[in-house]
Amino acid sequence: MPYSEKLAGRIRDSLSGMRNVEEKKMFRGICFMVNDKMCVCVSGEDMMCRINPEKYEHAIEKTGTRPMIMRGKIMKGFLFVSQDAIRSKKEFDYWINLCLEFNEKAKSSKVKSRKNM
């Protein structure tokens, strides 16, 4: 499934002034890693946000959101936001800032390589 290049471009533009931003293909789309930590992704037409799990319950109540479910379990701290819910710059910036706020505290997603024995 292709992902929204337009949405990826919006995210790319919003993160352009930051250091240590890397793009990786994952989740059937593209993920923006900030400081070696998953921050925000584009999956299909939606933005997948990694946010503070403590703010999840409030965030998931917003219009245009849905939970991320893996192996039948809701992943608190991850949610999808539809493009309809981020049309305005204010709405878009709200979600980007929520992702960046948590990114400062989040653990690195970087996979450590194992040494051969």
Protein backbone atom coordinates (compact mmCIF):
# COMPACT_ATOMS: atom_id res chain seq x y z
CA MET A 1 0.00 0.00 0.00
CA PRO A 2 1.52 3.33 -0.98
CA TYR A 3 1.72 6.12 1.56
CA SER A 4 0.73 9.76 1.18
CA GLU A 5 3.70 11.63 -0.27
CA LYS A 6 1.89 14.90 0.46
CA LEU A 7 1.64 14.08 4.17
CA ALA A 8 5.25 12.88 4.22
CA GLY A 9 6.26 16.20 2.68
CA ARG A 10 4.38 18.15 5.36
CA ILE A 11 6.15 16.19 8.09
CA ARG A 12 9.51 16.52 6.33
CA ASP A 13 9.03 20.30 6.14
CA SER A 14 8.06 20.54 9.81
CA LEU A 15 11.18 18.61 10.89
CA SER A 16 13.56 20.27 8.39
CA GLY A 17 15.28 22.55 10.90
CA MET A 18 16.05 19.76 13.33
CA ARG A 19 19.21 17.75 13.67
CA ASN A 20 19.35 13.96 13.73
CA VAL A 21 16.26 13.31 11.62
CA GLU A 22 16.29 10.13 9.54
CA GLU A 23 13.63 8.57 7.33
CA LYS A 24 13.06 4.81 7.33
CA LYS A 25 10.57 2.69 5.46
CA MET A 26 8.35 0.81 7.92
CA PHE A 27 4.72 0.29 8.90
CA ARG A 28 3.72 0.14 5.22
CA GLY A 29 4.99 3.68 4.86
CA ILE A 30 7.74 5.95 6.06
CA CYS A 31 8.84 6.71 9.59
CA PHE A 32 10.67 9.81 10.75
CA MET A 33 13.23 8.97 13.39
CA VAL A 34 14.43 11.83 15.59
CA ASN A 35 17.60 11.21 17.63
CA ASP A 36 17.44 7.49 16.76
CA LYS A 37 13.88 7.26 18.15
CA MET A 38 10.65 6.65 16.27
CA CYS A 39 8.76 9.92 16.32
CA VAL A 40 6.08 10.13 13.63
CA CYS A 41 5.20 8.02 10.59
CA VAL A 42 3.04 8.07 7.50
CA SER A 43 1.11 4.85 7.02
CA GLY A 44 -1.21 4.88 4.04
CA GLU A 45 -3.14 8.14 4.25
CA ASP A 46 -2.76 8.52 8.02
CA MET A 47 -0.16 9.96 10.35
CA MET A 48 0.97 7.55 13.05
CA CYS A 49 2.02 9.42 16.17
CA ARG A 50 4.20 8.19 19.00
CA ILE A 51 3.10 10.13 22.06
CA ASN A 52 3.44 10.02 25.81
CA PRO A 53 1.35 7.03 26.99
CA GLU A 54 0.12 9.20 29.87
CA LYS A 55 -1.52 11.53 27.32
CA TYR A 56 -2.96 8.71 25.21
CA GLU A 57 -6.48 8.60 26.73
CA HIS A 58 -7.00 12.32 26.13
CA ALA A 59 -5.50 12.21 22.62
CA ILE A 60 -7.49 9.20 21.42
CA GLU A 61 -10.74 11.04 22.18
CA LYS A 62 -9.96 13.66 19.53
CA THR A 63 -11.83 13.51 16.24
CA GLY A 64 -10.05 11.61 13.49
CA THR A 65 -7.95 9.35 15.71
CA ARG A 66 -7.87 5.59 16.04
CA PRO A 67 -5.71 3.27 18.12
CA MET A 68 -2.73 1.34 16.83
CA ILE A 69 -3.40 -2.36 17.34
CA MET A 70 -0.66 -4.99 17.09
CA ARG A 71 -1.32 -8.67 17.67
CA GLY A 72 -4.77 -7.83 18.98
CA LYS A 73 -3.52 -5.36 21.62
CA ILE A 74 -3.91 -1.60 21.71
CA MET A 75 -0.48 0.03 21.75
CA LYS A 76 -0.82 2.89 24.23
CA GLY A 77 1.41 5.71 23.14
CA PHE A 78 0.79 5.08 19.44
CA LEU A 79 -2.22 6.26 17.47
CA PHE A 80 -3.27 7.09 13.95
CA VAL A 81 -4.56 10.52 12.95
CA SER A 82 -6.54 10.88 9.72
CA GLN A 83 -5.68 13.58 7.20
CA ASP A 84 -9.11 15.15 7.82
CA ALA A 85 -8.04 15.84 11.41
CA ILE A 86 -4.82 17.63 10.40
CA ARG A 87 -5.93 19.86 7.55
CA SER A 88 -5.06 23.12 9.28
CA LYS A 89 -1.54 24.07 10.29
CA LYS A 90 -2.71 24.41 13.91
CA GLU A 91 -4.10 20.85 13.97
CA PHE A 92 -1.04 19.44 12.22
CA ASP A 93 1.39 21.29 14.52
CA TYR A 94 -0.49 20.04 17.60
CA TRP A 95 0.26 16.42 16.68
CA ILE A 96 3.83 17.05 15.55
CA ASN A 97 4.57 18.91 18.79
CA LEU A 98 3.00 16.11 20.86
CA CYS A 99 5.29 13.61 19.09
CA LEU A 100 8.39 15.78 19.54
CA GLU A 101 7.57 16.41 23.20
CA PHE A 102 7.54 12.69 23.91
CA ASN A 103 10.57 12.06 21.71
CA GLU A 104 12.74 13.91 24.23
CA LYS A 105 11.81 11.35 26.93
CA ALA A 106 11.36 8.23 24.79
CA LYS A 107 13.78 5.34 24.76
CA SER A 108 15.77 4.78 21.62
CA SER A 109 14.26 2.47 19.01
CA LYS A 110 17.71 1.73 17.66
CA VAL A 111 18.39 -1.99 17.43
CA LYS A 112 21.71 -2.98 18.90
CA SER A 113 23.69 -5.48 16.85
CA ARG A 114 24.77 -8.69 18.54
CA LYS A 115 28.36 -9.82 18.43
CA ASN A 116 29.06 -13.24 17.01
CA MET A 117 30.16 -15.74 19.65
